[in-house]
Amino acid sequence: MTPFGIFVRTKRMERGMLLKDMADSLAVKPSYISAIEHGKKGQPSREFLKKVARSLSLTRDEKQLMLEAVENSPSRITISGDKPGIYEVAAIFGKKVNNLTDQQIEGIRLILET
């Protein structure tokens, strides 16, 4: 699940909404909301995000958190640069990322945020 998918699912459930309820309010199919929640859809349009915010009755702070979640949920990641080994590291990471422990993920995050 992407950060955006987790955000949508969490807020929907906090508000006691079923997939069908949210889908109806957005004029989409429940399978579409499910795909968003499971990270199987790309980044949504600004217009769709406005509809989500209205559907979930998000506060200003929650809207900001939603935008941050969208920003941290790219459907593609581009690697560019000329440092030796950068592509090899990215390829290895791509192959191994699903097997990392929570502790390893947090350690990598700390390294990358510095």
PDB file of N, CA and C in Angstrom:
ATOM      1  N   MET A   1       0.835  -1.188   0.000  1.00  0.00           N
ATOM      2  CA  MET A   1       0.000   0.000   0.000  1.00  0.00           C
ATOM      3  C   MET A   1       0.875   1.245   0.000  1.00  0.00           C
ATOM      4  N   THR A   2       0.430   2.243  -0.723  1.00  0.00           N
ATOM      5  CA  THR A   2       1.149   3.510  -0.769  1.00  0.00           C
ATOM      6  C   THR A   2       0.717   4.390   0.402  1.00  0.00           C
ATOM      7  N   PRO A   3       1.506   5.421   0.718  1.00  0.00           N
ATOM      8  CA  PRO A   3       1.069   6.346   1.767  1.00  0.00           C
ATOM      9  C   PRO A   3      -0.307   6.949   1.468  1.00  0.00           C
ATOM     10  N   PHE A   4      -0.583   7.266   0.203  1.00  0.00           N
ATOM     11  CA  PHE A   4      -1.888   7.809  -0.144  1.00  0.00           C
ATOM     12  C   PHE A   4      -2.986   6.766   0.067  1.00  0.00           C
ATOM     13  N   GLY A   5      -2.741   5.542  -0.339  1.00  0.00           N
ATOM     14  CA  GLY A   5      -3.717   4.472  -0.143  1.00  0.00           C
ATOM     15  C   GLY A   5      -4.008   4.233   1.327  1.00  0.00           C
ATOM     16  N   ILE A   6      -2.956   4.235   2.136  1.00  0.00           N
ATOM     17  CA  ILE A   6      -3.128   4.061   3.586  1.00  0.00           C
ATOM     18  C   ILE A   6      -3.936   5.223   4.153  1.00  0.00           C
ATOM     19  N   PHE A   7      -3.630   6.438   3.693  1.00  0.00           N
ATOM     20  CA  PHE A   7      -4.352   7.618   4.173  1.00  0.00           C
ATOM     21  C   PHE A   7      -5.844   7.495   3.859  1.00  0.00           C
ATOM     22  N   VAL A   8      -6.164   7.183   2.614  1.00  0.00           N
ATOM     23  CA  VAL A   8      -7.572   7.091   2.207  1.00  0.00           C
ATOM     24  C   VAL A   8      -8.288   6.011   3.013  1.00  0.00           C
ATOM     25  N   ARG A   9      -7.673   4.840   3.111  1.00  0.00           N
ATOM     26  CA  ARG A   9      -8.311   3.742   3.833  1.00  0.00           C
ATOM     27  C   ARG A   9      -8.539   4.098   5.309  1.00  0.00           C
ATOM     28  N   THR A  10      -7.518   4.677   5.933  1.00  0.00           N
ATOM     29  CA  THR A  10      -7.616   5.036   7.347  1.00  0.00           C
ATOM     30  C   THR A  10      -8.734   6.046   7.582  1.00  0.00           C
ATOM     31  N   LYS A  11      -8.746   7.107   6.778  1.00  0.00           N
ATOM     32  CA  LYS A  11      -9.769   8.149   6.955  1.00  0.00           C
ATOM     33  C   LYS A  11     -11.163   7.610   6.644  1.00  0.00           C
ATOM     34  N   ARG A  12     -11.272   6.789   5.609  1.00  0.00           N
ATOM     35  CA  ARG A  12     -12.571   6.207   5.257  1.00  0.00           C
ATOM     36  C   ARG A  12     -13.101   5.364   6.411  1.00  0.00           C
ATOM     37  N   MET A  13     -12.231   4.545   6.975  1.00  0.00           N
ATOM     38  CA  MET A  13     -12.645   3.672   8.068  1.00  0.00           C
ATOM     39  C   MET A  13     -12.937   4.475   9.342  1.00  0.00           C
ATOM     40  N   GLU A  14     -12.144   5.512   9.614  1.00  0.00           N
ATOM     41  CA  GLU A  14     -12.404   6.368  10.780  1.00  0.00           C
ATOM     42  C   GLU A  14     -13.797   6.980  10.706  1.00  0.00           C
ATOM     43  N   ARG A  15     -14.240   7.247   9.482  1.00  0.00           N
ATOM     44  CA  ARG A  15     -15.545   7.865   9.293  1.00  0.00           C
ATOM     45  C   ARG A  15     -16.665   6.846   9.122  1.00  0.00           C
ATOM     46  N   GLY A  16     -16.313   5.570   9.251  1.00  0.00           N
ATOM     47  CA  GLY A  16     -17.305   4.512   9.166  1.00  0.00           C
ATOM     48  C   GLY A  16     -17.878   4.317   7.776  1.00  0.00           C
ATOM     49  N   MET A  17     -17.096   4.673   6.758  1.00  0.00           N
ATOM     50  CA  MET A  17     -17.565   4.540   5.383  1.00  0.00           C
ATOM     51  C   MET A  17     -17.138   3.205   4.792  1.00  0.00           C
ATOM     52  N   LEU A  18     -18.045   2.562   4.113  1.00  0.00           N
ATOM     53  CA  LEU A  18     -17.723   1.370   3.339  1.00  0.00           C
ATOM     54  C   LEU A  18     -17.133   1.819   2.008  1.00  0.00           C
ATOM     55  N   LEU A  19     -16.446   0.897   1.333  1.00  0.00           N
ATOM     56  CA  LEU A  19     -15.930   1.214  -0.007  1.00  0.00           C
ATOM     57  C   LEU A  19     -17.053   1.751  -0.886  1.00  0.00           C
ATOM     58  N   LYS A  20     -18.205   1.092  -0.821  1.00  0.00           N
ATOM     59  CA  LYS A  20     -19.342   1.483  -1.649  1.00  0.00           C
ATOM     60  C   LYS A  20     -19.800   2.902  -1.327  1.00  0.00           C
ATOM     61  N   ASP A  21     -19.821   3.257  -0.050  1.00  0.00           N
ATOM     62  CA  ASP A  21     -20.230   4.605   0.354  1.00  0.00           C
ATOM     63  C   ASP A  21     -19.315   5.656  -0.273  1.00  0.00           C
ATOM     64  N   MET A  22     -18.033   5.439  -0.142  1.00  0.00           N
ATOM     65  CA  MET A  22     -17.081   6.411  -0.677  1.00  0.00           C
ATOM     66  C   MET A  22     -17.153   6.439  -2.196  1.00  0.00           C
ATOM     67  N   ALA A  23     -17.239   5.280  -2.810  1.00  0.00           N
ATOM     68  CA  ALA A  23     -17.320   5.204  -4.264  1.00  0.00           C
ATOM     69  C   ALA A  23     -18.543   5.956  -4.768  1.00  0.00           C
ATOM     70  N   ASP A  24     -19.674   5.761  -4.120  1.00  0.00           N
ATOM     71  CA  ASP A  24     -20.898   6.466  -4.520  1.00  0.00           C
ATOM     72  C   ASP A  24     -20.723   7.975  -4.417  1.00  0.00           C
ATOM     73  N   SER A  25     -20.078   8.428  -3.349  1.00  0.00           N
ATOM     74  CA  SER A  25     -19.896   9.873  -3.155  1.00  0.00           C
ATOM     75  C   SER A  25     -18.940  10.469  -4.186  1.00  0.00           C
ATOM     76  N   LEU A  26     -18.090   9.620  -4.769  1.00  0.00           N
ATOM     77  CA  LEU A  26     -17.121  10.092  -5.772  1.00  0.00           C
ATOM     78  C   LEU A  26     -17.540   9.742  -7.195  1.00  0.00           C
ATOM     79  N   ALA A  27     -18.668   9.046  -7.337  1.00  0.00           N
ATOM     80  CA  ALA A  27     -19.173   8.613  -8.644  1.00  0.00           C
ATOM     81  C   ALA A  27     -18.167   7.709  -9.366  1.00  0.00           C
ATOM     82  N   VAL A  28     -17.590   6.789  -8.595  1.00  0.00           N
ATOM     83  CA  VAL A  28     -16.685   5.776  -9.156  1.00  0.00           C
ATOM     84  C   VAL A  28     -17.111   4.415  -8.625  1.00  0.00           C
ATOM     85  N   LYS A  29     -16.490   3.366  -9.127  1.00  0.00           N
ATOM     86  CA  LYS A  29     -16.798   2.017  -8.659  1.00  0.00           C
ATOM     87  C   LYS A  29     -16.009   1.705  -7.389  1.00  0.00           C
ATOM     88  N   PRO A  30     -16.563   0.860  -6.514  1.00  0.00           N
ATOM     89  CA  PRO A  30     -15.823   0.474  -5.310  1.00  0.00           C
ATOM     90  C   PRO A  30     -14.461  -0.138  -5.635  1.00  0.00           C
ATOM     91  N   SER A  31     -14.363  -0.840  -6.751  1.00  0.00           N
ATOM     92  CA  SER A  31     -13.081  -1.445  -7.129  1.00  0.00           C
ATOM     93  C   SER A  31     -12.019  -0.377  -7.384  1.00  0.00           C
ATOM     94  N   TYR A  32     -12.440   0.797  -7.824  1.00  0.00           N
ATOM     95  CA  TYR A  32     -11.497   1.891  -8.047  1.00  0.00           C
ATOM     96  C   TYR A  32     -10.927   2.385  -6.718  1.00  0.00           C
ATOM     97  N   ILE A  33     -11.788   2.551  -5.722  1.00  0.00           N
ATOM     98  CA  ILE A  33     -11.324   2.971  -4.395  1.00  0.00           C
ATOM     99  C   ILE A  33     -10.402   1.905  -3.814  1.00  0.00           C
ATOM    100  N   SER A  34     -10.757   0.642  -3.981  1.00  0.00           N
ATOM    101  CA  SER A  34      -9.912  -0.446  -3.505  1.00  0.00           C
ATOM    102  C   SER A  34      -8.540  -0.398  -4.173  1.00  0.00           C
ATOM    103  N   ALA A  35      -8.524  -0.138  -5.481  1.00  0.00           N
ATOM    104  CA  ALA A  35      -7.249  -0.060  -6.207  1.00  0.00           C
ATOM    105  C   ALA A  35      -6.401   1.103  -5.707  1.00  0.00           C
ATOM    106  N   ILE A  36      -7.039   2.216  -5.383  1.00  0.00           N
ATOM    107  CA  ILE A  36      -6.301   3.357  -4.818  1.00  0.00           C
ATOM    108  C   ILE A  36      -5.703   2.957  -3.474  1.00  0.00           C
ATOM    109  N   GLU A  37      -6.526   2.353  -2.634  1.00  0.00           N
ATOM    110  CA  GLU A  37      -6.066   1.982  -1.303  1.00  0.00           C
ATOM    111  C   GLU A  37      -4.923   0.972  -1.345  1.00  0.00           C
ATOM    112  N   HIS A  38      -4.897   0.128  -2.354  1.00  0.00           N
ATOM    113  CA  HIS A  38      -3.851  -0.892  -2.459  1.00  0.00           C
ATOM    114  C   HIS A  38      -2.689  -0.469  -3.350  1.00  0.00           C
ATOM    115  N   GLY A  39      -2.676   0.808  -3.748  1.00  0.00           N
ATOM    116  CA  GLY A  39      -1.552   1.341  -4.518  1.00  0.00           C
ATOM    117  C   GLY A  39      -1.496   0.870  -5.949  1.00  0.00           C
ATOM    118  N   LYS A  40      -2.624   0.485  -6.516  1.00  0.00           N
ATOM    119  CA  LYS A  40      -2.639  -0.029  -7.884  1.00  0.00           C
ATOM    120  C   LYS A  40      -3.066   1.017  -8.902  1.00  0.00           C
ATOM    121  N   LYS A  41      -3.248   2.240  -8.449  1.00  0.00           N
ATOM    122  CA  LYS A  41      -3.574   3.355  -9.333  1.00  0.00           C
ATOM    123  C   LYS A  41      -2.511   4.420  -9.174  1.00  0.00           C
ATOM    124  N   GLY A  42      -2.260   5.144 -10.244  1.00  0.00           N
ATOM    125  CA  GLY A  42      -1.279   6.218 -10.207  1.00  0.00           C
ATOM    126  C   GLY A  42      -1.767   7.396  -9.394  1.00  0.00           C
ATOM    127  N   GLN A  43      -0.980   8.438  -9.396  1.00  0.00           N
ATOM    128  CA  GLN A  43      -1.344   9.616  -8.617  1.00  0.00           C
ATOM    129  C   GLN A  43      -2.615  10.241  -9.171  1.00  0.00           C
ATOM    130  N   PRO A  44      -3.516  10.610  -8.280  1.00  0.00           N
ATOM    131  CA  PRO A  44      -4.796  11.179  -8.706  1.00  0.00           C
ATOM    132  C   PRO A  44      -4.661  12.631  -9.148  1.00  0.00           C
ATOM    133  N   SER A  45      -5.655  13.080  -9.908  1.00  0.00           N
ATOM    134  CA  SER A  45      -5.684  14.474 -10.343  1.00  0.00           C
ATOM    135  C   SER A  45      -6.038  15.378  -9.163  1.00  0.00           C
ATOM    136  N   ARG A  46      -5.757  16.650  -9.313  1.00  0.00           N
ATOM    137  CA  ARG A  46      -6.110  17.632  -8.284  1.00  0.00           C
ATOM    138  C   ARG A  46      -7.623  17.637  -8.050  1.00  0.00           C
ATOM    139  N   GLU A  47      -8.380  17.517  -9.152  1.00  0.00           N
ATOM    140  CA  GLU A  47      -9.838  17.519  -9.048  1.00  0.00           C
ATOM    141  C   GLU A  47     -10.327  16.325  -8.233  1.00  0.00           C
ATOM    142  N   PHE A  48      -9.726  15.164  -8.467  1.00  0.00           N
ATOM    143  CA  PHE A  48     -10.126  13.978  -7.711  1.00  0.00           C
ATOM    144  C   PHE A  48      -9.779  14.148  -6.235  1.00  0.00           C
ATOM    145  N   LEU A  49      -8.632  14.737  -5.952  1.00  0.00           N
ATOM    146  CA  LEU A  49      -8.244  14.971  -4.559  1.00  0.00           C
ATOM    147  C   LEU A  49      -9.228  15.905  -3.858  1.00  0.00           C
ATOM    148  N   LYS A  50      -9.727  16.901  -4.568  1.00  0.00           N
ATOM    149  CA  LYS A  50     -10.730  17.795  -3.994  1.00  0.00           C
ATOM    150  C   LYS A  50     -11.995  17.020  -3.647  1.00  0.00           C
ATOM    151  N   LYS A  51     -12.380  16.106  -4.532  1.00  0.00           N
ATOM    152  CA  LYS A  51     -13.573  15.294  -4.286  1.00  0.00           C
ATOM    153  C   LYS A  51     -13.364  14.376  -3.082  1.00  0.00           C
ATOM    154  N   VAL A  52     -12.161  13.800  -2.971  1.00  0.00           N
ATOM    155  CA  VAL A  52     -11.848  12.936  -1.831  1.00  0.00           C
ATOM    156  C   VAL A  52     -11.936  13.745  -0.536  1.00  0.00           C
ATOM    157  N   ALA A  53     -11.363  14.937  -0.563  1.00  0.00           N
ATOM    158  CA  ALA A  53     -11.394  15.796   0.632  1.00  0.00           C
ATOM    159  C   ALA A  53     -12.830  16.101   1.051  1.00  0.00           C
ATOM    160  N   ARG A  54     -13.685  16.384   0.071  1.00  0.00           N
ATOM    161  CA  ARG A  54     -15.098  16.652   0.395  1.00  0.00           C
ATOM    162  C   ARG A  54     -15.790  15.386   0.892  1.00  0.00           C
ATOM    163  N   SER A  55     -15.557  14.281   0.217  1.00  0.00           N
ATOM    164  CA  SER A  55     -16.201  13.023   0.586  1.00  0.00           C
ATOM    165  C   SER A  55     -15.865  12.621   2.014  1.00  0.00           C
ATOM    166  N   LEU A  56     -14.607  12.830   2.404  1.00  0.00           N
ATOM    167  CA  LEU A  56     -14.147  12.441   3.735  1.00  0.00           C
ATOM    168  C   LEU A  56     -14.271  13.573   4.759  1.00  0.00           C
ATOM    169  N   SER A  57     -14.764  14.726   4.318  1.00  0.00           N
ATOM    170  CA  SER A  57     -14.889  15.898   5.200  1.00  0.00           C
ATOM    171  C   SER A  57     -13.574  16.181   5.925  1.00  0.00           C
ATOM    172  N   LEU A  58     -12.505  16.276   5.141  1.00  0.00           N
ATOM    173  CA  LEU A  58     -11.176  16.474   5.723  1.00  0.00           C
ATOM    174  C   LEU A  58     -11.004  17.886   6.258  1.00  0.00           C
ATOM    175  N   THR A  59     -10.306  17.975   7.367  1.00  0.00           N
ATOM    176  CA  THR A  59      -9.932  19.274   7.923  1.00  0.00           C
ATOM    177  C   THR A  59      -8.780  19.840   7.095  1.00  0.00           C
ATOM    178  N   ARG A  60      -8.439  21.076   7.342  1.00  0.00           N
ATOM    179  CA  ARG A  60      -7.309  21.689   6.625  1.00  0.00           C
ATOM    180  C   ARG A  60      -6.022  20.888   6.858  1.00  0.00           C
ATOM    181  N   ASP A  61      -5.791  20.506   8.110  1.00  0.00           N
ATOM    182  CA  ASP A  61      -4.586  19.733   8.423  1.00  0.00           C
ATOM    183  C   ASP A  61      -4.609  18.367   7.727  1.00  0.00           C
ATOM    184  N   GLU A  62      -5.775  17.743   7.697  1.00  0.00           N
ATOM    185  CA  GLU A  62      -5.888  16.441   7.030  1.00  0.00           C
ATOM    186  C   GLU A  62      -5.675  16.571   5.523  1.00  0.00           C
ATOM    187  N   LYS A  63      -6.133  17.666   4.938  1.00  0.00           N
ATOM    188  CA  LYS A  63      -5.895  17.900   3.506  1.00  0.00           C
ATOM    189  C   LYS A  63      -4.395  17.997   3.240  1.00  0.00           C
ATOM    190  N   GLN A  64      -3.686  18.695   4.121  1.00  0.00           N
ATOM    191  CA  GLN A  64      -2.236  18.815   3.968  1.00  0.00           C
ATOM    192  C   GLN A  64      -1.568  17.442   4.083  1.00  0.00           C
ATOM    193  N   LEU A  65      -2.008  16.655   5.049  1.00  0.00           N
ATOM    194  CA  LEU A  65      -1.469  15.303   5.199  1.00  0.00           C
ATOM    195  C   LEU A  65      -1.761  14.456   3.962  1.00  0.00           C
ATOM    196  N   MET A  66      -2.950  14.639   3.378  1.00  0.00           N
ATOM    197  CA  MET A  66      -3.294  13.903   2.167  1.00  0.00           C
ATOM    198  C   MET A  66      -2.350  14.287   1.021  1.00  0.00           C
ATOM    199  N   LEU A  67      -2.082  15.580   0.857  1.00  0.00           N
ATOM    200  CA  LEU A  67      -1.177  16.027  -0.203  1.00  0.00           C
ATOM    201  C   LEU A  67       0.229  15.487   0.005  1.00  0.00           C
ATOM    202  N   GLU A  68       0.677  15.437   1.249  1.00  0.00           N
ATOM    203  CA  GLU A  68       1.994  14.866   1.546  1.00  0.00           C
ATOM    204  C   GLU A  68       2.008  13.375   1.226  1.00  0.00           C
ATOM    205  N   ALA A  69       0.910  12.684   1.527  1.00  0.00           N
ATOM    206  CA  ALA A  69       0.815  11.258   1.222  1.00  0.00           C
ATOM    207  C   ALA A  69       0.861  11.032  -0.280  1.00  0.00           C
ATOM    208  N   VAL A  70       0.186  11.890  -1.047  1.00  0.00           N
ATOM    209  CA  VAL A  70       0.217  11.780  -2.509  1.00  0.00           C
ATOM    210  C   VAL A  70       1.641  11.991  -3.012  1.00  0.00           C
ATOM    211  N   GLU A  71       2.298  12.998  -2.476  1.00  0.00           N
ATOM    212  CA  GLU A  71       3.671  13.299  -2.889  1.00  0.00           C
ATOM    213  C   GLU A  71       4.612  12.127  -2.616  1.00  0.00           C
ATOM    214  N   ASN A  72       4.340  11.395  -1.552  1.00  0.00           N
ATOM    215  CA  ASN A  72       5.175  10.252  -1.191  1.00  0.00           C
ATOM    216  C   ASN A  72       4.690   8.941  -1.795  1.00  0.00           C
ATOM    217  N   SER A  73       3.817   9.041  -2.803  1.00  0.00           N
ATOM    218  CA  SER A  73       3.270   7.846  -3.448  1.00  0.00           C
ATOM    219  C   SER A  73       3.443   7.888  -4.966  1.00  0.00           C
ATOM    220  N   PRO A  74       4.663   8.160  -5.443  1.00  0.00           N
ATOM    221  CA  PRO A  74       4.819   8.213  -6.903  1.00  0.00           C
ATOM    222  C   PRO A  74       4.597   6.837  -7.515  1.00  0.00           C
ATOM    223  N   SER A  75       4.001   6.843  -8.705  1.00  0.00           N
ATOM    224  CA  SER A  75       3.780   5.569  -9.382  1.00  0.00           C
ATOM    225  C   SER A  75       5.054   5.094 -10.082  1.00  0.00           C
ATOM    226  N   ARG A  76       5.953   6.020 -10.323  1.00  0.00           N
ATOM    227  CA  ARG A  76       7.244   5.692 -10.921  1.00  0.00           C
ATOM    228  C   ARG A  76       8.331   6.500 -10.236  1.00  0.00           C
ATOM    229  N   ILE A  77       9.487   5.915 -10.187  1.00  0.00           N
ATOM    230  CA  ILE A  77      10.630   6.612  -9.613  1.00  0.00           C
ATOM    231  C   ILE A  77      11.709   6.661 -10.681  1.00  0.00           C
ATOM    232  N   THR A  78      12.185   7.854 -10.967  1.00  0.00           N
ATOM    233  CA  THR A  78      13.196   8.045 -11.995  1.00  0.00           C
ATOM    234  C   THR A  78      14.564   8.156 -11.347  1.00  0.00           C
ATOM    235  N   ILE A  79      15.503   7.446 -11.910  1.00  0.00           N
ATOM    236  CA  ILE A  79      16.877   7.498 -11.419  1.00  0.00           C
ATOM    237  C   ILE A  79      17.713   8.162 -12.498  1.00  0.00           C
ATOM    238  N   SER A  80      18.421   9.196 -12.111  1.00  0.00           N
ATOM    239  CA  SER A  80      19.314   9.844 -13.062  1.00  0.00           C
ATOM    240  C   SER A  80      20.561  10.270 -12.312  1.00  0.00           C
ATOM    241  N   GLY A  81      21.624  10.305 -12.996  1.00  0.00           N
ATOM    242  CA  GLY A  81      22.880  10.700 -12.383  1.00  0.00           C
ATOM    243  C   GLY A  81      24.038   9.954 -13.002  1.00  0.00           C
ATOM    244  N   ASP A  82      25.223  10.401 -12.699  1.00  0.00           N
ATOM    245  CA  ASP A  82      26.395   9.776 -13.289  1.00  0.00           C
ATOM    246  C   ASP A  82      27.368   9.218 -12.252  1.00  0.00           C
ATOM    247  N   LYS A  83      26.890   9.071 -11.010  1.00  0.00           N
ATOM    248  CA  LYS A  83      27.743   8.480  -9.986  1.00  0.00           C
ATOM    249  C   LYS A  83      27.904   6.994 -10.284  1.00  0.00           C
ATOM    250  N   PRO A  84      29.122   6.504 -10.180  1.00  0.00           N
ATOM    251  CA  PRO A  84      29.332   5.072 -10.427  1.00  0.00           C
ATOM    252  C   PRO A  84      28.508   4.213  -9.466  1.00  0.00           C
ATOM    253  N   GLY A  85      27.845   3.227  -9.988  1.00  0.00           N
ATOM    254  CA  GLY A  85      27.121   2.277  -9.173  1.00  0.00           C
ATOM    255  C   GLY A  85      25.687   2.643  -8.854  1.00  0.00           C
ATOM    256  N   ILE A  86      25.237   3.845  -9.224  1.00  0.00           N
ATOM    257  CA  ILE A  86      23.899   4.282  -8.830  1.00  0.00           C
ATOM    258  C   ILE A  86      22.807   3.366  -9.395  1.00  0.00           C
ATOM    259  N   TYR A  87      22.953   2.942 -10.635  1.00  0.00           N
ATOM    260  CA  TYR A  87      21.930   2.097 -11.253  1.00  0.00           C
ATOM    261  C   TYR A  87      21.945   0.688 -10.679  1.00  0.00           C
ATOM    262  N   GLU A  88      23.141   0.202 -10.373  1.00  0.00           N
ATOM    263  CA  GLU A  88      23.249  -1.122  -9.773  1.00  0.00           C
ATOM    264  C   GLU A  88      22.612  -1.158  -8.389  1.00  0.00           C
ATOM    265  N   VAL A  89      22.856  -0.114  -7.593  1.00  0.00           N
ATOM    266  CA  VAL A  89      22.264  -0.036  -6.257  1.00  0.00           C
ATOM    267  C   VAL A  89      20.741   0.019  -6.372  1.00  0.00           C
ATOM    268  N   ALA A  90      20.248   0.828  -7.309  1.00  0.00           N
ATOM    269  CA  ALA A  90      18.798   0.939  -7.500  1.00  0.00           C
ATOM    270  C   ALA A  90      18.199  -0.393  -7.935  1.00  0.00           C
ATOM    271  N   ALA A  91      18.881  -1.107  -8.810  1.00  0.00           N
ATOM    272  CA  ALA A  91      18.378  -2.407  -9.279  1.00  0.00           C
ATOM    273  C   ALA A  91      18.338  -3.423  -8.139  1.00  0.00           C
ATOM    274  N   ILE A  92      19.381  -3.454  -7.336  1.00  0.00           N
ATOM    275  CA  ILE A  92      19.411  -4.366  -6.196  1.00  0.00           C
ATOM    276  C   ILE A  92      18.302  -4.009  -5.216  1.00  0.00           C
ATOM    277  N   PHE A  93      18.158  -2.716  -4.942  1.00  0.00           N
ATOM    278  CA  PHE A  93      17.113  -2.269  -4.026  1.00  0.00           C
ATOM    279  C   PHE A  93      15.735  -2.696  -4.536  1.00  0.00           C
ATOM    280  N   GLY A  94      15.492  -2.490  -5.817  1.00  0.00           N
ATOM    281  CA  GLY A  94      14.211  -2.868  -6.406  1.00  0.00           C
ATOM    282  C   GLY A  94      13.901  -4.347  -6.249  1.00  0.00           C
ATOM    283  N   LYS A  95      14.933  -5.173  -6.341  1.00  0.00           N
ATOM    284  CA  LYS A  95      14.734  -6.621  -6.208  1.00  0.00           C
ATOM    285  C   LYS A  95      14.504  -7.048  -4.757  1.00  0.00           C
ATOM    286  N   LYS A  96      15.077  -6.331  -3.828  1.00  0.00           N
ATOM    287  CA  LYS A  96      15.063  -6.741  -2.421  1.00  0.00           C
ATOM    288  C   LYS A  96      14.072  -5.988  -1.540  1.00  0.00           C
ATOM    289  N   VAL A  97      13.529  -4.874  -2.017  1.00  0.00           N
ATOM    290  CA  VAL A  97      12.740  -3.981  -1.171  1.00  0.00           C
ATOM    291  C   VAL A  97      11.562  -4.682  -0.488  1.00  0.00           C
ATOM    292  N   ASN A  98      10.909  -5.597  -1.146  1.00  0.00           N
ATOM    293  CA  ASN A  98       9.752  -6.268  -0.547  1.00  0.00           C
ATOM    294  C   ASN A  98      10.119  -7.229   0.575  1.00  0.00           C
ATOM    295  N   ASN A  99      11.383  -7.553   0.701  1.00  0.00           N
ATOM    296  CA  ASN A  99      11.822  -8.479   1.748  1.00  0.00           C
ATOM    297  C   ASN A  99      12.472  -7.785   2.946  1.00  0.00           C
ATOM    298  N   LEU A 100      12.502  -6.454   2.924  1.00  0.00           N
ATOM    299  CA  LEU A 100      13.116  -5.722   4.032  1.00  0.00           C
ATOM    300  C   LEU A 100      12.226  -5.769   5.270  1.00  0.00           C
ATOM    301  N   THR A 101      12.870  -5.809   6.422  1.00  0.00           N
ATOM    302  CA  THR A 101      12.116  -5.753   7.678  1.00  0.00           C
ATOM    303  C   THR A 101      11.739  -4.297   7.955  1.00  0.00           C
ATOM    304  N   ASP A 102      10.818  -4.102   8.867  1.00  0.00           N
ATOM    305  CA  ASP A 102      10.443  -2.739   9.253  1.00  0.00           C
ATOM    306  C   ASP A 102      11.650  -1.981   9.776  1.00  0.00           C
ATOM    307  N   GLN A 103      12.492  -2.659  10.531  1.00  0.00           N
ATOM    308  CA  GLN A 103      13.693  -2.031  11.099  1.00  0.00           C
ATOM    309  C   GLN A 103      14.659  -1.615   9.983  1.00  0.00           C
ATOM    310  N   GLN A 104      14.832  -2.463   8.979  1.00  0.00           N
ATOM    311  CA  GLN A 104      15.708  -2.127   7.862  1.00  0.00           C
ATOM    312  C   GLN A 104      15.159  -0.940   7.072  1.00  0.00           C
ATOM    313  N   ILE A 105      13.854  -0.921   6.856  1.00  0.00           N
ATOM    314  CA  ILE A 105      13.225   0.185   6.134  1.00  0.00           C
ATOM    315  C   ILE A 105      13.450   1.487   6.880  1.00  0.00           C
ATOM    316  N   GLU A 106      13.241   1.454   8.190  1.00  0.00           N
ATOM    317  CA  GLU A 106      13.445   2.661   8.988  1.00  0.00           C
ATOM    318  C   GLU A 106      14.901   3.106   8.949  1.00  0.00           C
ATOM    319  N   GLY A 107      15.835   2.161   8.988  1.00  0.00           N
ATOM    320  CA  GLY A 107      17.251   2.506   8.907  1.00  0.00           C
ATOM    321  C   GLY A 107      17.605   3.154   7.575  1.00  0.00           C
ATOM    322  N   ILE A 108      17.076   2.620   6.502  1.00  0.00           N
ATOM    323  CA  ILE A 108      17.303   3.197   5.178  1.00  0.00           C
ATOM    324  C   ILE A 108      16.702   4.598   5.096  1.00  0.00           C
ATOM    325  N   ARG A 109      15.489   4.760   5.645  1.00  0.00           N
ATOM    326  CA  ARG A 109      14.837   6.072   5.642  1.00  0.00           C
ATOM    327  C   ARG A 109      15.721   7.090   6.368  1.00  0.00           C
ATOM    328  N   LEU A 110      16.261   6.714   7.522  1.00  0.00           N
ATOM    329  CA  LEU A 110      17.109   7.628   8.279  1.00  0.00           C
ATOM    330  C   LEU A 110      18.356   8.014   7.501  1.00  0.00           C
ATOM    331  N   ILE A 111      18.939   7.050   6.818  1.00  0.00           N
ATOM    332  CA  ILE A 111      20.128   7.337   5.990  1.00  0.00           C
ATOM    333  C   ILE A 111      19.771   8.320   4.886  1.00  0.00           C
ATOM    334  N   LEU A 112      18.669   8.083   4.219  1.00  0.00           N
ATOM    335  CA  LEU A 112      18.293   8.907   3.071  1.00  0.00           C
ATOM    336  C   LEU A 112      17.815  10.309   3.455  1.00  0.00           C
ATOM    337  N   GLU A 113      17.286  10.455   4.649  1.00  0.00           N
ATOM    338  CA  GLU A 113      16.782  11.766   5.077  1.00  0.00           C
ATOM    339  C   GLU A 113      17.873  12.678   5.606  1.00  0.00           C
ATOM    340  N   THR A 114      19.074  12.166   5.790  1.00  0.00           N
ATOM    341  CA  THR A 114      20.154  13.014   6.300  1.00  0.00           C
ATOM    342  C   THR A 114      20.883  13.716   5.182  1.00  0.00           C
TER     343      THR A 114
END
